[in-house]
Full PDB file with SEQRES, HELIX, SHEET, SSBOND, CRYST1, ORIGX, SCALE, CONECT and MASTER records, all heavy atoms in Angstrom:
SEQRES   1 A   31  VAL PRO GLU ASN LEU ASP PHE GLU GLU ARG PHE ASP ASP          
SEQRES   2 A   31  ILE PHE THR LYS TYR LEU ASP SER TYR THR TYR ASP GLU          
SEQRES   3 A   31  VAL LYS THR THR ASN                                          
HELIX    1 AA1 ASP A   12  TYR A   18  1                                   7    
CRYST1    1.000    1.000    1.000  90.00  90.00  90.00 P 1           1          
ORIGX1      1.000000  0.000000  0.000000        0.00000                         
ORIGX2      0.000000  1.000000  0.000000        0.00000                         
ORIGX3      0.000000  0.000000  1.000000        0.00000                         
SCALE1      1.000000  0.000000  0.000000        0.00000                         
SCALE2      0.000000  1.000000  0.000000        0.00000                         
SCALE3      0.000000  0.000000  1.000000        0.00000                         
ATOM      1  N   VAL A   1       0.833  -1.206   0.003  1.00  0.00           N  
ATOM      2  CA  VAL A   1      -0.064   0.049   0.085  1.00  0.00           C  
ATOM      3  C   VAL A   1       0.870   1.218  -0.043  1.00  0.00           C  
ATOM      4  O   VAL A   1       1.972   1.236   0.566  1.00  0.00           O  
ATOM      5  CB  VAL A   1      -0.947   0.059   1.205  1.00  0.00           C  
ATOM      6  CG1 VAL A   1      -1.939  -1.164   1.164  1.00  0.00           C  
ATOM      7  CG2 VAL A   1      -0.228   0.092   2.511  1.00  0.00           C  
ATOM      8  N   PRO A   2       0.419   2.341  -0.588  1.00  0.00           N  
ATOM      9  CA  PRO A   2       1.221   3.503  -0.573  1.00  0.00           C  
ATOM     10  C   PRO A   2       1.262   4.141   0.763  1.00  0.00           C  
ATOM     11  O   PRO A   2       0.453   3.914   1.651  1.00  0.00           O  
ATOM     12  CB  PRO A   2       0.484   4.537  -1.563  1.00  0.00           C  
ATOM     13  CG  PRO A   2      -0.838   3.905  -1.613  1.00  0.00           C  
ATOM     14  CD  PRO A   2      -0.698   2.467  -1.330  1.00  0.00           C  
ATOM     15  N   GLU A   3       2.332   4.939   1.065  1.00  0.00           N  
ATOM     16  CA  GLU A   3       2.535   5.463   2.429  1.00  0.00           C  
ATOM     17  C   GLU A   3       1.461   6.366   2.894  1.00  0.00           C  
ATOM     18  O   GLU A   3       1.126   6.463   4.039  1.00  0.00           O  
ATOM     19  CB  GLU A   3       3.849   6.181   2.524  1.00  0.00           C  
ATOM     20  CG  GLU A   3       3.961   7.372   1.579  1.00  0.00           C  
ATOM     21  CD  GLU A   3       5.219   8.203   1.718  1.00  0.00           C  
ATOM     22  OE1 GLU A   3       5.835   8.086   2.828  1.00  0.00           O  
ATOM     23  OE2 GLU A   3       5.637   8.914   0.810  1.00  0.00           O  
ATOM     24  N   ASN A   4       0.694   7.036   2.004  1.00  0.00           N  
ATOM     25  CA  ASN A   4      -0.315   7.979   2.290  1.00  0.00           C  
ATOM     26  C   ASN A   4      -1.741   7.350   2.484  1.00  0.00           C  
ATOM     27  O   ASN A   4      -2.689   8.000   2.713  1.00  0.00           O  
ATOM     28  CB  ASN A   4      -0.395   9.136   1.287  1.00  0.00           C  
ATOM     29  CG  ASN A   4      -0.777   8.584  -0.151  1.00  0.00           C  
ATOM     30  OD1 ASN A   4      -0.730   7.427  -0.283  1.00  0.00           O  
ATOM     31  ND2 ASN A   4      -0.983   9.459  -1.089  1.00  0.00           N  
ATOM     32  N   LEU A   5      -1.776   6.022   2.417  1.00  0.00           N  
ATOM     33  CA  LEU A   5      -2.990   5.347   2.523  1.00  0.00           C  
ATOM     34  C   LEU A   5      -3.121   4.742   3.948  1.00  0.00           C  
ATOM     35  O   LEU A   5      -2.311   4.091   4.507  1.00  0.00           O  
ATOM     36  CB  LEU A   5      -3.075   4.105   1.593  1.00  0.00           C  
ATOM     37  CG  LEU A   5      -4.391   3.258   1.610  1.00  0.00           C  
ATOM     38  CD1 LEU A   5      -5.622   4.090   1.074  1.00  0.00           C  
ATOM     39  CD2 LEU A   5      -4.204   1.953   0.698  1.00  0.00           C  
ATOM     40  N   ASP A   6      -4.262   5.126   4.555  1.00  0.00           N  
ATOM     41  CA  ASP A   6      -4.548   4.639   5.948  1.00  0.00           C  
ATOM     42  C   ASP A   6      -5.042   3.185   5.810  1.00  0.00           C  
ATOM     43  O   ASP A   6      -6.199   2.949   5.597  1.00  0.00           O  
ATOM     44  CB  ASP A   6      -5.544   5.515   6.670  1.00  0.00           C  
ATOM     45  CG  ASP A   6      -5.746   5.100   8.139  1.00  0.00           C  
ATOM     46  OD1 ASP A   6      -5.017   4.170   8.615  1.00  0.00           O  
ATOM     47  OD2 ASP A   6      -6.648   5.601   8.803  1.00  0.00           O  
ATOM     48  N   PHE A   7      -4.197   2.243   5.921  1.00  0.00           N  
ATOM     49  CA  PHE A   7      -4.607   0.863   5.687  1.00  0.00           C  
ATOM     50  C   PHE A   7      -5.364   0.176   6.838  1.00  0.00           C  
ATOM     51  O   PHE A   7      -5.970  -0.982   6.670  1.00  0.00           O  
ATOM     52  CB  PHE A   7      -3.315  -0.037   5.342  1.00  0.00           C  
ATOM     53  CG  PHE A   7      -2.300   0.020   6.408  1.00  0.00           C  
ATOM     54  CD1 PHE A   7      -2.378  -0.947   7.438  1.00  0.00           C  
ATOM     55  CD2 PHE A   7      -1.190   0.836   6.368  1.00  0.00           C  
ATOM     56  CE1 PHE A   7      -1.381  -0.980   8.377  1.00  0.00           C  
ATOM     57  CE2 PHE A   7      -0.234   0.807   7.299  1.00  0.00           C  
ATOM     58  CZ  PHE A   7      -0.370  -0.087   8.383  1.00  0.00           C  
ATOM     59  N   GLU A   8      -5.272   0.754   7.996  1.00  0.00           N  
ATOM     60  CA  GLU A   8      -5.995   0.126   9.143  1.00  0.00           C  
ATOM     61  C   GLU A   8      -7.478   0.175   8.911  1.00  0.00           C  
ATOM     62  O   GLU A   8      -8.065   1.154   8.765  1.00  0.00           O  
ATOM     63  CB  GLU A   8      -5.595   0.853  10.393  1.00  0.00           C  
ATOM     64  CG  GLU A   8      -4.114   0.742  10.788  1.00  0.00           C  
ATOM     65  CD  GLU A   8      -3.781   1.490  12.116  1.00  0.00           C  
ATOM     66  OE1 GLU A   8      -4.580   2.445  12.499  1.00  0.00           O  
ATOM     67  OE2 GLU A   8      -2.810   1.144  12.688  1.00  0.00           O  
ATOM     68  N   GLU A   9      -8.062  -1.091   8.985  1.00  0.00           N  
ATOM     69  CA  GLU A   9      -9.485  -1.310   8.749  1.00  0.00           C  
ATOM     70  C   GLU A   9      -9.850  -0.986   7.368  1.00  0.00           C  
ATOM     71  O   GLU A   9     -11.086  -1.041   6.998  1.00  0.00           O  
ATOM     72  CB  GLU A   9     -10.323  -0.481   9.739  1.00  0.00           C  
ATOM     73  CG  GLU A   9     -10.027  -0.865  11.234  1.00  0.00           C  
ATOM     74  CD  GLU A   9     -10.924  -0.136  12.154  1.00  0.00           C  
ATOM     75  OE1 GLU A   9     -11.744   0.703  11.702  1.00  0.00           O  
ATOM     76  OE2 GLU A   9     -10.874  -0.359  13.358  1.00  0.00           O  
ATOM     77  N   ARG A  10      -8.985  -0.721   6.442  1.00  0.00           N  
ATOM     78  CA  ARG A  10      -9.191  -0.362   5.114  1.00  0.00           C  
ATOM     79  C   ARG A  10      -9.738  -1.598   4.250  1.00  0.00           C  
ATOM     80  O   ARG A  10     -10.712  -1.487   3.471  1.00  0.00           O  
ATOM     81  CB  ARG A  10      -7.928   0.095   4.368  1.00  0.00           C  
ATOM     82  CG  ARG A  10      -7.990   0.422   2.898  1.00  0.00           C  
ATOM     83  CD  ARG A  10      -8.685   1.771   2.661  1.00  0.00           C  
ATOM     84  NE  ARG A  10      -8.721   2.214   1.260  1.00  0.00           N  
ATOM     85  CZ  ARG A  10      -9.214   3.274   0.792  1.00  0.00           C  
ATOM     86  NH1 ARG A  10      -9.624   4.163   1.632  1.00  0.00           N  
ATOM     87  NH2 ARG A  10      -9.117   3.552  -0.519  1.00  0.00           N  
ATOM     88  N   PHE A  11      -9.270  -2.827   4.660  1.00  0.00           N  
ATOM     89  CA  PHE A  11      -9.696  -3.989   3.918  1.00  0.00           C  
ATOM     90  C   PHE A  11     -10.546  -4.942   4.751  1.00  0.00           C  
ATOM     91  O   PHE A  11     -10.772  -6.065   4.336  1.00  0.00           O  
ATOM     92  CB  PHE A  11      -8.398  -4.751   3.442  1.00  0.00           C  
ATOM     93  CG  PHE A  11      -7.423  -3.887   2.707  1.00  0.00           C  
ATOM     94  CD1 PHE A  11      -6.296  -3.396   3.264  1.00  0.00           C  
ATOM     95  CD2 PHE A  11      -7.678  -3.505   1.412  1.00  0.00           C  
ATOM     96  CE1 PHE A  11      -5.429  -2.611   2.580  1.00  0.00           C  
ATOM     97  CE2 PHE A  11      -6.764  -2.736   0.686  1.00  0.00           C  
ATOM     98  CZ  PHE A  11      -5.592  -2.227   1.309  1.00  0.00           C  
ATOM     99  N   ASP A  12     -10.904  -4.529   5.963  1.00  0.00           N  
ATOM    100  CA  ASP A  12     -11.595  -5.502   6.898  1.00  0.00           C  
ATOM    101  C   ASP A  12     -12.958  -5.989   6.303  1.00  0.00           C  
ATOM    102  O   ASP A  12     -13.235  -7.145   6.468  1.00  0.00           O  
ATOM    103  CB  ASP A  12     -11.896  -4.749   8.140  1.00  0.00           C  
ATOM    104  CG  ASP A  12     -10.654  -4.671   9.020  1.00  0.00           C  
ATOM    105  OD1 ASP A  12      -9.595  -5.098   8.559  1.00  0.00           O  
ATOM    106  OD2 ASP A  12     -10.778  -4.116  10.151  1.00  0.00           O  
ATOM    107  N   ASP A  13     -13.635  -5.221   5.453  1.00  0.00           N  
ATOM    108  CA  ASP A  13     -14.884  -5.658   4.968  1.00  0.00           C  
ATOM    109  C   ASP A  13     -14.680  -6.808   3.902  1.00  0.00           C  
ATOM    110  O   ASP A  13     -15.393  -7.692   3.736  1.00  0.00           O  
ATOM    111  CB  ASP A  13     -15.726  -4.623   4.382  1.00  0.00           C  
ATOM    112  CG  ASP A  13     -15.032  -3.800   3.298  1.00  0.00           C  
ATOM    113  OD1 ASP A  13     -13.757  -3.670   3.395  1.00  0.00           O  
ATOM    114  OD2 ASP A  13     -15.676  -3.285   2.374  1.00  0.00           O  
ATOM    115  N   ILE A  14     -13.591  -6.560   3.129  1.00  0.00           N  
ATOM    116  CA  ILE A  14     -13.236  -7.625   2.070  1.00  0.00           C  
ATOM    117  C   ILE A  14     -12.824  -8.948   2.853  1.00  0.00           C  
ATOM    118  O   ILE A  14     -13.133  -9.990   2.350  1.00  0.00           O  
ATOM    119  CB  ILE A  14     -12.040  -7.140   1.243  1.00  0.00           C  
ATOM    120  CG1 ILE A  14     -12.506  -5.819   0.545  1.00  0.00           C  
ATOM    121  CG2 ILE A  14     -11.716  -8.105   0.160  1.00  0.00           C  
ATOM    122  CD1 ILE A  14     -11.519  -5.156  -0.351  1.00  0.00           C  
ATOM    123  N   PHE A  15     -11.923  -8.735   3.833  1.00  0.00           N  
ATOM    124  CA  PHE A  15     -11.458  -9.919   4.597  1.00  0.00           C  
ATOM    125  C   PHE A  15     -12.678 -10.673   5.173  1.00  0.00           C  
ATOM    126  O   PHE A  15     -12.736 -11.880   5.122  1.00  0.00           O  
ATOM    127  CB  PHE A  15     -10.483  -9.589   5.773  1.00  0.00           C  
ATOM    128  CG  PHE A  15      -9.226  -8.842   5.219  1.00  0.00           C  
ATOM    129  CD1 PHE A  15      -8.454  -8.068   5.967  1.00  0.00           C  
ATOM    130  CD2 PHE A  15      -8.853  -9.140   3.950  1.00  0.00           C  
ATOM    131  CE1 PHE A  15      -7.346  -7.470   5.536  1.00  0.00           C  
ATOM    132  CE2 PHE A  15      -7.603  -8.533   3.467  1.00  0.00           C  
ATOM    133  CZ  PHE A  15      -6.928  -7.690   4.317  1.00  0.00           C  
ATOM    134  N   THR A  16     -13.583  -9.892   5.707  1.00  0.00           N  
ATOM    135  CA  THR A  16     -14.794 -10.576   6.327  1.00  0.00           C  
ATOM    136  C   THR A  16     -15.492 -11.379   5.241  1.00  0.00           C  
ATOM    137  O   THR A  16     -16.196 -12.403   5.581  1.00  0.00           O  
ATOM    138  CB  THR A  16     -15.644  -9.614   7.029  1.00  0.00           C  
ATOM    139  OG1 THR A  16     -14.927  -8.902   8.027  1.00  0.00           O  
ATOM    140  CG2 THR A  16     -16.864 -10.275   7.613  1.00  0.00           C  
ATOM    141  N   LYS A  17     -15.606 -10.843   4.005  1.00  0.00           N  
ATOM    142  CA  LYS A  17     -16.374 -11.452   3.018  1.00  0.00           C  
ATOM    143  C   LYS A  17     -15.742 -12.770   2.503  1.00  0.00           C  
ATOM    144  O   LYS A  17     -16.473 -13.725   2.158  1.00  0.00           O  
ATOM    145  CB  LYS A  17     -16.464 -10.425   1.876  1.00  0.00           C  
ATOM    146  CG  LYS A  17     -17.263 -10.959   0.628  1.00  0.00           C  
ATOM    147  CD  LYS A  17     -17.379  -9.842  -0.397  1.00  0.00           C  
ATOM    148  CE  LYS A  17     -18.116 -10.297  -1.597  1.00  0.00           C  
ATOM    149  NZ  LYS A  17     -18.188  -9.184  -2.782  1.00  0.00           N  
ATOM    150  N   TYR A  18     -14.387 -12.723   2.404  1.00  0.00           N  
ATOM    151  CA  TYR A  18     -13.714 -13.870   1.731  1.00  0.00           C  
ATOM    152  C   TYR A  18     -12.945 -14.857   2.714  1.00  0.00           C  
ATOM    153  O   TYR A  18     -12.582 -15.994   2.337  1.00  0.00           O  
ATOM    154  CB  TYR A  18     -12.821 -13.356   0.731  1.00  0.00           C  
ATOM    155  CG  TYR A  18     -13.471 -12.704  -0.459  1.00  0.00           C  
ATOM    156  CD1 TYR A  18     -13.478 -11.356  -0.560  1.00  0.00           C  
ATOM    157  CD2 TYR A  18     -13.997 -13.543  -1.556  1.00  0.00           C  
ATOM    158  CE1 TYR A  18     -14.163 -10.777  -1.683  1.00  0.00           C  
ATOM    159  CE2 TYR A  18     -14.595 -12.853  -2.583  1.00  0.00           C  
ATOM    160  CZ  TYR A  18     -14.690 -11.473  -2.648  1.00  0.00           C  
ATOM    161  OH  TYR A  18     -15.290 -10.967  -3.704  1.00  0.00           O  
ATOM    162  N   LEU A  19     -12.705 -14.437   3.916  1.00  0.00           N  
ATOM    163  CA  LEU A  19     -11.914 -15.102   4.836  1.00  0.00           C  
ATOM    164  C   LEU A  19     -12.570 -15.718   6.029  1.00  0.00           C  
ATOM    165  O   LEU A  19     -13.548 -15.033   6.587  1.00  0.00           O  
ATOM    166  CB  LEU A  19     -10.706 -14.324   5.270  1.00  0.00           C  
ATOM    167  CG  LEU A  19      -9.837 -13.688   4.216  1.00  0.00           C  
ATOM    168  CD1 LEU A  19      -8.787 -12.756   4.796  1.00  0.00           C  
ATOM    169  CD2 LEU A  19      -9.194 -14.773   3.332  1.00  0.00           C  
ATOM    170  N   ASP A  20     -12.226 -16.860   6.456  1.00  0.00           N  
ATOM    171  CA  ASP A  20     -12.740 -17.270   7.735  1.00  0.00           C  
ATOM    172  C   ASP A  20     -12.131 -16.711   8.981  1.00  0.00           C  
ATOM    173  O   ASP A  20     -12.735 -16.426   9.973  1.00  0.00           O  
ATOM    174  CB  ASP A  20     -12.487 -18.890   7.951  1.00  0.00           C  
ATOM    175  CG  ASP A  20     -13.700 -19.681   7.248  1.00  0.00           C  
ATOM    176  OD1 ASP A  20     -14.746 -19.088   7.160  1.00  0.00           O  
ATOM    177  OD2 ASP A  20     -13.397 -20.814   6.812  1.00  0.00           O  
ATOM    178  N   SER A  21     -10.801 -16.458   8.789  1.00  0.00           N  
ATOM    179  CA  SER A  21      -9.953 -15.706   9.871  1.00  0.00           C  
ATOM    180  C   SER A  21      -8.755 -15.084   9.224  1.00  0.00           C  
ATOM    181  O   SER A  21      -8.292 -15.476   8.235  1.00  0.00           O  
ATOM    182  CB  SER A  21      -9.537 -16.814  10.959  1.00  0.00           C  
ATOM    183  OG  SER A  21      -8.657 -17.677  10.357  1.00  0.00           O  
ATOM    184  N   TYR A  22      -8.347 -14.053   9.912  1.00  0.00           N  
ATOM    185  CA  TYR A  22      -7.077 -13.340   9.388  1.00  0.00           C  
ATOM    186  C   TYR A  22      -6.447 -12.590  10.659  1.00  0.00           C  
ATOM    187  O   TYR A  22      -7.196 -12.150  11.564  1.00  0.00           O  
ATOM    188  CB  TYR A  22      -7.470 -12.353   8.345  1.00  0.00           C  
ATOM    189  CG  TYR A  22      -8.386 -11.238   8.755  1.00  0.00           C  
ATOM    190  CD1 TYR A  22      -7.823  -9.914   9.227  1.00  0.00           C  
ATOM    191  CD2 TYR A  22      -9.747 -11.301   8.720  1.00  0.00           C  
ATOM    192  CE1 TYR A  22      -8.734  -8.919   9.559  1.00  0.00           C  
ATOM    193  CE2 TYR A  22     -10.549 -10.366   9.025  1.00  0.00           C  
ATOM    194  CZ  TYR A  22     -10.066  -9.119   9.518  1.00  0.00           C  
ATOM    195  OH  TYR A  22     -10.934  -8.155   9.852  1.00  0.00           O  
ATOM    196  N   THR A  23      -5.102 -12.615  10.646  1.00  0.00           N  
ATOM    197  CA  THR A  23      -4.419 -11.926  11.728  1.00  0.00           C  
ATOM    198  C   THR A  23      -3.222 -11.203  11.010  1.00  0.00           C  
ATOM    199  O   THR A  23      -2.581 -11.699  10.113  1.00  0.00           O  
ATOM    200  CB  THR A  23      -3.796 -12.887  12.709  1.00  0.00           C  
ATOM    201  OG1 THR A  23      -3.027 -13.893  12.155  1.00  0.00           O  
ATOM    202  CG2 THR A  23      -4.928 -13.530  13.551  1.00  0.00           C  
ATOM    203  N   TYR A  24      -3.011  -9.982  11.483  1.00  0.00           N  
ATOM    204  CA  TYR A  24      -1.852  -9.156  10.933  1.00  0.00           C  
ATOM    205  C   TYR A  24      -0.584  -9.782  11.578  1.00  0.00           C  
ATOM    206  O   TYR A  24      -0.436  -9.684  12.786  1.00  0.00           O  
ATOM    207  CB  TYR A  24      -2.038  -7.697  11.317  1.00  0.00           C  
ATOM    208  CG  TYR A  24      -3.036  -7.040  10.469  1.00  0.00           C  
ATOM    209  CD1 TYR A  24      -4.436  -6.998  10.819  1.00  0.00           C  
ATOM    210  CD2 TYR A  24      -2.700  -6.276   9.333  1.00  0.00           C  
ATOM    211  CE1 TYR A  24      -5.338  -6.356  10.118  1.00  0.00           C  
ATOM    212  CE2 TYR A  24      -3.594  -5.690   8.535  1.00  0.00           C  
ATOM    213  CZ  TYR A  24      -4.932  -5.672   8.898  1.00  0.00           C  
ATOM    214  OH  TYR A  24      -5.847  -5.098   8.057  1.00  0.00           O  
ATOM    215  N   ASP A  25       0.253 -10.225  10.685  1.00  0.00           N  
ATOM    216  CA  ASP A  25       1.440 -10.864  11.216  1.00  0.00           C  
ATOM    217  C   ASP A  25       2.757  -9.850  11.165  1.00  0.00           C  
ATOM    218  O   ASP A  25       3.511  -9.867  12.121  1.00  0.00           O  
ATOM    219  CB  ASP A  25       1.876 -11.968  10.256  1.00  0.00           C  
ATOM    220  CG  ASP A  25       2.973 -12.862  10.757  1.00  0.00           C  
ATOM    221  OD1 ASP A  25       3.033 -13.147  11.996  1.00  0.00           O  
ATOM    222  OD2 ASP A  25       3.860 -13.307   9.921  1.00  0.00           O  
ATOM    223  N   GLU A  26       2.714  -8.953  10.127  1.00  0.00           N  
ATOM    224  CA  GLU A  26       3.888  -8.065  10.100  1.00  0.00           C  
ATOM    225  C   GLU A  26       3.470  -6.872   9.210  1.00  0.00           C  
ATOM    226  O   GLU A  26       2.692  -6.938   8.224  1.00  0.00           O  
ATOM    227  CB  GLU A  26       5.041  -8.738   9.456  1.00  0.00           C  
ATOM    228  CG  GLU A  26       6.269  -7.877   9.444  1.00  0.00           C  
ATOM    229  CD  GLU A  26       7.493  -8.587   8.721  1.00  0.00           C  
ATOM    230  OE1 GLU A  26       7.191  -9.385   7.810  1.00  0.00           O  
ATOM    231  OE2 GLU A  26       8.625  -8.319   9.148  1.00  0.00           O  
ATOM    232  N   VAL A  27       3.951  -5.610   9.549  1.00  0.00           N  
ATOM    233  CA  VAL A  27       3.747  -4.445   8.762  1.00  0.00           C  
ATOM    234  C   VAL A  27       5.115  -3.788   8.812  1.00  0.00           C  
ATOM    235  O   VAL A  27       5.769  -3.498   9.744  1.00  0.00           O  
ATOM    236  CB  VAL A  27       2.730  -3.429   9.433  1.00  0.00           C  
ATOM    237  CG1 VAL A  27       2.648  -2.204   8.492  1.00  0.00           C  
ATOM    238  CG2 VAL A  27       1.334  -4.124   9.344  1.00  0.00           C  
ATOM    239  N   LYS A  28       5.630  -3.535   7.547  1.00  0.00           N  
ATOM    240  CA  LYS A  28       6.961  -2.852   7.371  1.00  0.00           C  
ATOM    241  C   LYS A  28       7.018  -1.902   6.255  1.00  0.00           C  
ATOM    242  O   LYS A  28       6.195  -2.094   5.320  1.00  0.00           O  
ATOM    243  CB  LYS A  28       8.120  -3.882   7.382  1.00  0.00           C  
ATOM    244  CG  LYS A  28       8.057  -4.707   6.120  1.00  0.00           C  
ATOM    245  CD  LYS A  28       9.365  -5.656   6.079  1.00  0.00           C  
ATOM    246  CE  LYS A  28       9.316  -6.368   4.839  1.00  0.00           C  
ATOM    247  NZ  LYS A  28      10.564  -7.395   4.718  1.00  0.00           N  
ATOM    248  N   THR A  29       7.914  -0.960   6.228  1.00  0.00           N  
ATOM    249  CA  THR A  29       8.066  -0.009   5.119  1.00  0.00           C  
ATOM    250  C   THR A  29       9.069  -0.601   4.173  1.00  0.00           C  
ATOM    251  O   THR A  29       9.940  -1.484   4.507  1.00  0.00           O  
ATOM    252  CB  THR A  29       8.630   1.304   5.688  1.00  0.00           C  
ATOM    253  OG1 THR A  29       9.863   1.098   6.343  1.00  0.00           O  
ATOM    254  CG2 THR A  29       7.662   1.914   6.644  1.00  0.00           C  
ATOM    255  N   THR A  30       8.919  -0.301   2.829  1.00  0.00           N  
ATOM    256  CA  THR A  30       9.814  -0.733   1.841  1.00  0.00           C  
ATOM    257  C   THR A  30       9.922   0.377   0.770  1.00  0.00           C  
ATOM    258  O   THR A  30       9.179   1.406   0.762  1.00  0.00           O  
ATOM    259  CB  THR A  30       9.249  -2.055   1.173  1.00  0.00           C  
ATOM    260  OG1 THR A  30      10.211  -2.538   0.240  1.00  0.00           O  
ATOM    261  CG2 THR A  30       7.946  -1.813   0.520  1.00  0.00           C  
ATOM    262  N   ASN A  31      10.823   0.164  -0.169  1.00  0.00           N  
ATOM    263  CA  ASN A  31      11.011   1.112  -1.276  1.00  0.00           C  
ATOM    264  C   ASN A  31      11.301   2.500  -0.687  1.00  0.00           C  
ATOM    265  O   ASN A  31      10.689   3.483  -1.029  1.00  0.00           O  
ATOM    266  CB  ASN A  31       9.746   1.203  -2.200  1.00  0.00           C  
ATOM    267  CG  ASN A  31      10.194   1.832  -3.544  1.00  0.00           C  
ATOM    268  OD1 ASN A  31      11.294   1.748  -3.998  1.00  0.00           O  
ATOM    269  ND2 ASN A  31       9.133   2.381  -4.185  1.00  0.00           N  
TER     270      ASN A  31                                                      
MASTER        0    0    0    1    0    0    0    6  269    1    0    3          
END                                                                             
């Protein structure tokens, strides 16, 4: 995701739709 995108809870509705469970394992910066 780009640095200016607030990713927290950004994809939660998609995850709830397609996933039985999900856990955030790691978040790091790159590039």
